[in-house]
Amino acid sequence: MIIDDHTMLNELITSVVDSLKGFHVAGSAQTESEALQLCTQEKPDLVILDLVLASTYDLSLLGKIGRLCPQARVVIFSGNLTPDIIKQVLAAGTYSLISKSATLAEFRTALLAVAAGRTYYSPDVSGAIKGLVLNPTPPGLPGQSRLTKREETVLRCLAQGLSSKEIAATLGVSVYTVANHRSRLMKKTGLHRAAQLSLYAVRNGMLAQPGAQFRPR
């Protein structure tokens, strides 16, 4: 079973999986609700999961899949495997992690390893794990590298749906400065969409609710 909100990537993964002997894609889902319904119907042996969907960004879906399909092996296949996310995944359990920068050959190798009962980490993920062991970061909010006060303010603005130009006018800075803050936000959180950043702000107590008003600081 494949859980990813990119249609073209779903089709590519399906073709790769179906080409492997003994493998067959039971179905694909693009949202959490679709994923849970499909898990209930199909009871897959292996789940390929992108942690960051349009409607969610955290690890809650992992736990739900585990309860619905305790027999399923989960391969996390994501382009947002930041050190913070990797650390959370490792703390949540034994899951295989593959970066979306991996080659198709490596992806096939990973699937065969997981199907055989082994855990697989792509080389860049293994390097990040070594970095976490050698240089553990101080604790902060779940899944969050520490944000500066200005980054938190820009995040609130983005969660409100403001454009970079509107944020620049609100804060009295250049659009270029806002772009830099936004780039650092995406790097620290691993999120790239306005809806994901809005959820992140709400779940970390930065907004009372989606669309809540706030004062820039």
C-alpha atoms as a PDB file:
ATOM      1  CA  MET A   1       0.000   0.000   0.000  1.00  0.00           C
ATOM      2  CA  ILE A   2       1.269   3.468  -0.936  1.00  0.00           C
ATOM      3  CA  ILE A   3       0.474   6.664   0.983  1.00  0.00           C
ATOM      4  CA  ASP A   4       1.689   9.784  -0.810  1.00  0.00           C
ATOM      5  CA  ASP A   5      -0.169  12.891  -1.965  1.00  0.00           C
ATOM      6  CA  HIS A   6       1.665  13.181  -5.300  1.00  0.00           C
ATOM      7  CA  THR A   7      -0.275  11.366  -8.043  1.00  0.00           C
ATOM      8  CA  MET A   8       2.638  11.001 -10.451  1.00  0.00           C
ATOM      9  CA  LEU A   9       4.928   9.633  -7.735  1.00  0.00           C
ATOM     10  CA  ASN A  10       2.225   7.161  -6.687  1.00  0.00           C
ATOM     11  CA  GLU A  11       2.071   5.896 -10.256  1.00  0.00           C
ATOM     12  CA  LEU A  12       5.858   5.581 -10.456  1.00  0.00           C
ATOM     13  CA  ILE A  13       6.082   3.694  -7.148  1.00  0.00           C
ATOM     14  CA  THR A  14       3.255   1.413  -8.249  1.00  0.00           C
ATOM     15  CA  SER A  15       5.101   0.476 -11.437  1.00  0.00           C
ATOM     16  CA  VAL A  16       8.312  -0.227  -9.503  1.00  0.00           C
ATOM     17  CA  VAL A  17       6.590  -2.318  -6.833  1.00  0.00           C
ATOM     18  CA  ASP A  18       4.501  -4.310  -9.305  1.00  0.00           C
ATOM     19  CA  SER A  19       7.674  -5.141 -11.253  1.00  0.00           C
ATOM     20  CA  LEU A  20       9.143  -6.973  -8.248  1.00  0.00           C
ATOM     21  CA  LYS A  21       8.434 -10.693  -7.964  1.00  0.00           C
ATOM     22  CA  GLY A  22       6.009 -11.437  -5.157  1.00  0.00           C
ATOM     23  CA  PHE A  23       4.888  -7.802  -4.806  1.00  0.00           C
ATOM     24  CA  HIS A  24       1.557  -6.251  -5.753  1.00  0.00           C
ATOM     25  CA  VAL A  25       0.184  -2.801  -4.909  1.00  0.00           C
ATOM     26  CA  ALA A  26      -3.143  -3.256  -3.134  1.00  0.00           C
ATOM     27  CA  GLY A  27      -3.955   0.437  -3.444  1.00  0.00           C
ATOM     28  CA  SER A  28      -2.776   3.996  -2.910  1.00  0.00           C
ATOM     29  CA  ALA A  29      -4.009   6.875  -0.768  1.00  0.00           C
ATOM     30  CA  GLN A  30      -3.352  10.614  -0.810  1.00  0.00           C
ATOM     31  CA  THR A  31      -4.934  11.645   2.497  1.00  0.00           C
ATOM     32  CA  GLU A  32      -4.995  10.285   6.029  1.00  0.00           C
ATOM     33  CA  SER A  33      -8.665   9.313   5.829  1.00  0.00           C
ATOM     34  CA  GLU A  34      -8.104   7.447   2.554  1.00  0.00           C
ATOM     35  CA  ALA A  35      -5.074   5.710   4.052  1.00  0.00           C
ATOM     36  CA  LEU A  36      -6.959   4.489   7.129  1.00  0.00           C
ATOM     37  CA  GLN A  37      -9.885   3.264   5.044  1.00  0.00           C
ATOM     38  CA  LEU A  38      -7.538   1.393   2.712  1.00  0.00           C
ATOM     39  CA  CYS A  39      -5.649  -0.137   5.651  1.00  0.00           C
ATOM     40  CA  THR A  40      -8.924  -1.419   7.067  1.00  0.00           C
ATOM     41  CA  GLN A  41     -10.012  -2.904   3.733  1.00  0.00           C
ATOM     42  CA  GLU A  42      -6.739  -4.368   2.469  1.00  0.00           C
ATOM     43  CA  LYS A  43      -4.692  -5.196   5.589  1.00  0.00           C
ATOM     44  CA  PRO A  44      -1.409  -4.690   3.678  1.00  0.00           C
ATOM     45  CA  ASP A  45       1.813  -6.504   4.535  1.00  0.00           C
ATOM     46  CA  LEU A  46       3.934  -3.473   3.650  1.00  0.00           C
ATOM     47  CA  VAL A  47       3.137   0.251   3.689  1.00  0.00           C
ATOM     48  CA  ILE A  48       5.143   2.900   1.822  1.00  0.00           C
ATOM     49  CA  LEU A  49       4.440   6.164   3.627  1.00  0.00           C
ATOM     50  CA  ASP A  50       5.291   9.810   3.054  1.00  0.00           C
ATOM     51  CA  LEU A  51       5.000  11.408   6.495  1.00  0.00           C
ATOM     52  CA  VAL A  52       4.163  14.853   5.126  1.00  0.00           C
ATOM     53  CA  LEU A  53       0.738  14.871   3.466  1.00  0.00           C
ATOM     54  CA  ALA A  54      -1.278  17.935   2.544  1.00  0.00           C
ATOM     55  CA  SER A  55      -3.508  17.463   5.605  1.00  0.00           C
ATOM     56  CA  THR A  56      -0.951  16.345   8.179  1.00  0.00           C
ATOM     57  CA  TYR A  57       2.733  16.503   9.000  1.00  0.00           C
ATOM     58  CA  ASP A  58       3.274  14.580  12.218  1.00  0.00           C
ATOM     59  CA  LEU A  59       3.727  10.947  13.236  1.00  0.00           C
ATOM     60  CA  SER A  60       0.141  10.331  14.354  1.00  0.00           C
ATOM     61  CA  LEU A  61      -0.658   8.400  11.165  1.00  0.00           C
ATOM     62  CA  LEU A  62       2.068   5.872  12.016  1.00  0.00           C
ATOM     63  CA  GLY A  63       0.343   4.932  15.249  1.00  0.00           C
ATOM     64  CA  LYS A  64      -3.051   4.659  13.561  1.00  0.00           C
ATOM     65  CA  ILE A  65      -1.664   2.381  10.857  1.00  0.00           C
ATOM     66  CA  GLY A  66      -0.002   0.272  13.535  1.00  0.00           C
ATOM     67  CA  ARG A  67      -3.294  -0.234  15.334  1.00  0.00           C
ATOM     68  CA  LEU A  68      -5.239  -1.060  12.164  1.00  0.00           C
ATOM     69  CA  CYS A  69      -2.533  -3.211  10.538  1.00  0.00           C
ATOM     70  CA  PRO A  70      -0.175  -4.462  13.255  1.00  0.00           C
ATOM     71  CA  GLN A  71       1.304  -6.986  10.826  1.00  0.00           C
ATOM     72  CA  ALA A  72       2.342  -4.322   8.293  1.00  0.00           C
ATOM     73  CA  ARG A  73       5.974  -3.296   7.855  1.00  0.00           C
ATOM     74  CA  VAL A  74       6.243   0.450   7.262  1.00  0.00           C
ATOM     75  CA  VAL A  75       8.736   2.063   4.905  1.00  0.00           C
ATOM     76  CA  ILE A  76       8.901   5.824   5.339  1.00  0.00           C
ATOM     77  CA  PHE A  77       9.704   7.321   1.933  1.00  0.00           C
ATOM     78  CA  SER A  78       9.964  11.072   2.249  1.00  0.00           C
ATOM     79  CA  GLY A  79      11.704  14.164   0.991  1.00  0.00           C
ATOM     80  CA  ASN A  80      11.428  15.748   4.445  1.00  0.00           C
ATOM     81  CA  LEU A  81      13.647  13.513   6.556  1.00  0.00           C
ATOM     82  CA  THR A  82      15.174  16.240   8.683  1.00  0.00           C
ATOM     83  CA  PRO A  83      17.232  15.235  11.745  1.00  0.00           C
ATOM     84  CA  ASP A  84      14.281  16.129  13.995  1.00  0.00           C
ATOM     85  CA  ILE A  85      11.872  13.936  12.036  1.00  0.00           C
ATOM     86  CA  ILE A  86      14.378  11.068  11.926  1.00  0.00           C
ATOM     87  CA  LYS A  87      14.794  11.348  15.693  1.00  0.00           C
ATOM     88  CA  GLN A  88      11.021  11.171  16.214  1.00  0.00           C
ATOM     89  CA  VAL A  89      10.672   8.177  13.907  1.00  0.00           C
ATOM     90  CA  LEU A  90      13.441   6.293  15.705  1.00  0.00           C
ATOM     91  CA  ALA A  91      11.781   7.038  19.044  1.00  0.00           C
ATOM     92  CA  ALA A  92       8.401   5.837  17.716  1.00  0.00           C
ATOM     93  CA  GLY A  93       9.632   2.386  16.734  1.00  0.00           C
ATOM     94  CA  THR A  94      11.554   0.353  14.178  1.00  0.00           C
ATOM     95  CA  TYR A  95      10.742   1.790  10.779  1.00  0.00           C
ATOM     96  CA  SER A  96      12.736   1.814   7.569  1.00  0.00           C
ATOM     97  CA  LEU A  97      13.549   5.257   6.210  1.00  0.00           C
ATOM     98  CA  ILE A  98      14.341   6.085   2.588  1.00  0.00           C
ATOM     99  CA  SER A  99      14.942   9.564   1.249  1.00  0.00           C
ATOM    100  CA  LYS A 100      13.187  10.613  -1.963  1.00  0.00           C
ATOM    101  CA  SER A 101      16.635  11.430  -3.303  1.00  0.00           C
ATOM    102  CA  ALA A 102      17.300   7.666  -3.487  1.00  0.00           C
ATOM    103  CA  THR A 103      17.702   5.938  -6.853  1.00  0.00           C
ATOM    104  CA  LEU A 104      15.152   3.423  -8.119  1.00  0.00           C
ATOM    105  CA  ALA A 105      17.732   0.668  -7.637  1.00  0.00           C
ATOM    106  CA  GLU A 106      18.146   1.614  -3.987  1.00  0.00           C
ATOM    107  CA  PHE A 107      14.378   1.806  -3.578  1.00  0.00           C
ATOM    108  CA  ARG A 108      14.002  -1.745  -4.905  1.00  0.00           C
ATOM    109  CA  THR A 109      16.791  -2.942  -2.585  1.00  0.00           C
ATOM    110  CA  ALA A 110      15.034  -1.340   0.370  1.00  0.00           C
ATOM    111  CA  LEU A 111      11.691  -2.975  -0.419  1.00  0.00           C
ATOM    112  CA  LEU A 112      13.272  -6.413  -0.751  1.00  0.00           C
ATOM    113  CA  ALA A 113      15.130  -5.946   2.541  1.00  0.00           C
ATOM    114  CA  VAL A 114      12.000  -4.844   4.401  1.00  0.00           C
ATOM    115  CA  ALA A 115       9.919  -7.662   2.897  1.00  0.00           C
ATOM    116  CA  ALA A 116      12.548 -10.077   4.201  1.00  0.00           C
ATOM    117  CA  GLY A 117      12.093  -8.697   7.710  1.00  0.00           C
ATOM    118  CA  ARG A 118      15.101  -6.383   7.850  1.00  0.00           C
ATOM    119  CA  THR A 119      15.246  -2.655   8.608  1.00  0.00           C
ATOM    120  CA  TYR A 120      16.671  -0.406   5.897  1.00  0.00           C
ATOM    121  CA  TYR A 121      18.068   3.132   6.053  1.00  0.00           C
ATOM    122  CA  SER A 122      19.215   4.967   2.952  1.00  0.00           C
ATOM    123  CA  PRO A 123      22.839   6.237   3.147  1.00  0.00           C
ATOM    124  CA  ASP A 124      21.904   9.876   3.816  1.00  0.00           C
ATOM    125  CA  VAL A 125      19.550   8.799   6.611  1.00  0.00           C
ATOM    126  CA  SER A 126      22.294   6.621   8.123  1.00  0.00           C
ATOM    127  CA  GLY A 127      24.592   9.642   8.029  1.00  0.00           C
ATOM    128  CA  ALA A 128      21.985  11.764   9.787  1.00  0.00           C
ATOM    129  CA  ILE A 129      21.548   9.078  12.467  1.00  0.00           C
ATOM    130  CA  LYS A 130      25.295   9.060  13.095  1.00  0.00           C
ATOM    131  CA  GLY A 131      25.157  12.847  13.388  1.00  0.00           C
ATOM    132  CA  LEU A 132      22.379  12.613  15.967  1.00  0.00           C
ATOM    133  CA  VAL A 133      24.440  10.170  18.006  1.00  0.00           C
ATOM    134  CA  LEU A 134      27.585  12.290  17.858  1.00  0.00           C
ATOM    135  CA  ASN A 135      25.893  15.688  18.215  1.00  0.00           C
ATOM    136  CA  PRO A 136      22.552  15.341  19.986  1.00  0.00           C
ATOM    137  CA  THR A 137      20.495  18.531  19.873  1.00  0.00           C
ATOM    138  CA  PRO A 138      18.901  20.088  22.948  1.00  0.00           C
ATOM    139  CA  PRO A 139      15.235  19.249  23.449  1.00  0.00           C
ATOM    140  CA  GLY A 140      12.636  21.576  21.957  1.00  0.00           C
ATOM    141  CA  LEU A 141       9.129  21.317  20.630  1.00  0.00           C
ATOM    142  CA  PRO A 142       8.353  17.949  19.007  1.00  0.00           C
ATOM    143  CA  GLY A 143       9.686  17.846  15.495  1.00  0.00           C
ATOM    144  CA  GLN A 144      11.038  21.380  15.705  1.00  0.00           C
ATOM    145  CA  SER A 145      14.533  22.789  15.527  1.00  0.00           C
ATOM    146  CA  ARG A 146      14.434  25.889  17.669  1.00  0.00           C
ATOM    147  CA  LEU A 147      12.787  28.772  15.845  1.00  0.00           C
ATOM    148  CA  THR A 148      13.804  32.380  16.373  1.00  0.00           C
ATOM    149  CA  LYS A 149      11.176  34.906  17.465  1.00  0.00           C
ATOM    150  CA  ARG A 150      11.125  36.394  13.966  1.00  0.00           C
ATOM    151  CA  GLU A 151      10.750  32.940  12.377  1.00  0.00           C
ATOM    152  CA  GLU A 152       7.792  32.262  14.683  1.00  0.00           C
ATOM    153  CA  THR A 153       6.241  35.558  13.600  1.00  0.00           C
ATOM    154  CA  VAL A 154       6.716  34.746   9.907  1.00  0.00           C
ATOM    155  CA  LEU A 155       5.209  31.311  10.551  1.00  0.00           C
ATOM    156  CA  ARG A 156       2.131  32.917  12.096  1.00  0.00           C
ATOM    157  CA  CYS A 157       1.813  35.174   9.072  1.00  0.00           C
ATOM    158  CA  LEU A 158       2.098  32.237   6.685  1.00  0.00           C
ATOM    159  CA  ALA A 159      -0.485  30.335   8.710  1.00  0.00           C
ATOM    160  CA  GLN A 160      -2.800  33.331   8.232  1.00  0.00           C
ATOM    161  CA  GLY A 161      -2.390  32.962   4.469  1.00  0.00           C
ATOM    162  CA  LEU A 162      -0.393  36.177   3.985  1.00  0.00           C
ATOM    163  CA  SER A 163       1.876  36.429   0.945  1.00  0.00           C
ATOM    164  CA  SER A 164       5.581  37.233   1.251  1.00  0.00           C
ATOM    165  CA  LYS A 165       4.848  40.780   0.067  1.00  0.00           C
ATOM    166  CA  GLU A 166       2.133  41.222   2.711  1.00  0.00           C
ATOM    167  CA  ILE A 167       4.395  39.806   5.424  1.00  0.00           C
ATOM    168  CA  ALA A 168       7.183  42.179   4.400  1.00  0.00           C
ATOM    169  CA  ALA A 169       4.807  45.155   4.639  1.00  0.00           C
ATOM    170  CA  THR A 170       3.480  43.978   8.024  1.00  0.00           C
ATOM    171  CA  LEU A 171       6.941  43.513   9.538  1.00  0.00           C
ATOM    172  CA  GLY A 172       8.607  46.457   7.810  1.00  0.00           C
ATOM    173  CA  VAL A 173      11.268  44.330   6.112  1.00  0.00           C
ATOM    174  CA  SER A 174      12.128  43.440   2.518  1.00  0.00           C
ATOM    175  CA  VAL A 175      10.531  40.592   0.590  1.00  0.00           C
ATOM    176  CA  TYR A 176      14.036  39.117   0.306  1.00  0.00           C
ATOM    177  CA  THR A 177      14.304  39.007   4.130  1.00  0.00           C
ATOM    178  CA  VAL A 178      10.933  37.264   4.374  1.00  0.00           C
ATOM    179  CA  ALA A 179      12.073  34.715   1.753  1.00  0.00           C
ATOM    180  CA  ASN A 180      15.148  33.950   3.868  1.00  0.00           C
ATOM    181  CA  HIS A 181      13.040  33.431   7.002  1.00  0.00           C
ATOM    182  CA  ARG A 182      10.621  31.239   5.061  1.00  0.00           C
ATOM    183  CA  SER A 183      13.472  29.132   3.683  1.00  0.00           C
ATOM    184  CA  ARG A 184      14.865  28.563   7.179  1.00  0.00           C
ATOM    185  CA  LEU A 185      11.381  27.689   8.454  1.00  0.00           C
ATOM    186  CA  MET A 186      10.956  25.041   5.786  1.00  0.00           C
ATOM    187  CA  LYS A 187      14.394  23.603   6.514  1.00  0.00           C
ATOM    188  CA  LYS A 188      13.763  23.407  10.263  1.00  0.00           C
ATOM    189  CA  THR A 189      10.243  21.977  10.065  1.00  0.00           C
ATOM    190  CA  GLY A 190      10.560  19.917   6.871  1.00  0.00           C
ATOM    191  CA  LEU A 191       7.293  21.478   5.645  1.00  0.00           C
ATOM    192  CA  HIS A 192       6.742  23.273   2.355  1.00  0.00           C
ATOM    193  CA  ARG A 193       3.016  23.967   2.020  1.00  0.00           C
ATOM    194  CA  ALA A 194       0.929  26.694   3.598  1.00  0.00           C
ATOM    195  CA  ALA A 195      -1.637  24.195   4.951  1.00  0.00           C
ATOM    196  CA  GLN A 196       1.112  22.118   6.595  1.00  0.00           C
ATOM    197  CA  LEU A 197       2.724  25.198   8.156  1.00  0.00           C
ATOM    198  CA  SER A 198      -0.672  26.325   9.445  1.00  0.00           C
ATOM    199  CA  LEU A 199      -1.254  22.941  11.111  1.00  0.00           C
ATOM    200  CA  TYR A 200       2.247  23.090  12.554  1.00  0.00           C
ATOM    201  CA  ALA A 201       1.587  26.522  14.060  1.00  0.00           C
ATOM    202  CA  VAL A 202      -1.724  25.426  15.588  1.00  0.00           C
ATOM    203  CA  ARG A 203      -0.400  22.144  17.002  1.00  0.00           C
ATOM    204  CA  ASN A 204       2.577  23.885  18.601  1.00  0.00           C
ATOM    205  CA  GLY A 205       0.374  26.472  20.292  1.00  0.00           C
ATOM    206  CA  MET A 206       1.364  29.393  18.060  1.00  0.00           C
ATOM    207  CA  LEU A 207      -2.247  30.026  17.003  1.00  0.00           C
ATOM    208  CA  ALA A 208      -5.400  29.348  18.948  1.00  0.00           C
ATOM    209  CA  GLN A 209      -7.058  27.953  15.826  1.00  0.00           C
ATOM    210  CA  PRO A 210      -6.667  28.180  12.045  1.00  0.00           C
ATOM    211  CA  GLY A 211      -7.331  31.756  10.979  1.00  0.00           C
ATOM    212  CA  ALA A 212      -6.852  33.193  14.486  1.00  0.00           C
ATOM    213  CA  GLN A 213      -5.663  36.772  14.640  1.00  0.00           C
ATOM    214  CA  PHE A 214      -2.338  37.736  16.150  1.00  0.00           C
ATOM    215  CA  ARG A 215      -0.066  40.704  16.612  1.00  0.00           C
ATOM    216  CA  PRO A 216       3.339  40.597  14.862  1.00  0.00           C
ATOM    217  CA  ARG A 217       6.317  40.844  17.159  1.00  0.00           C
END
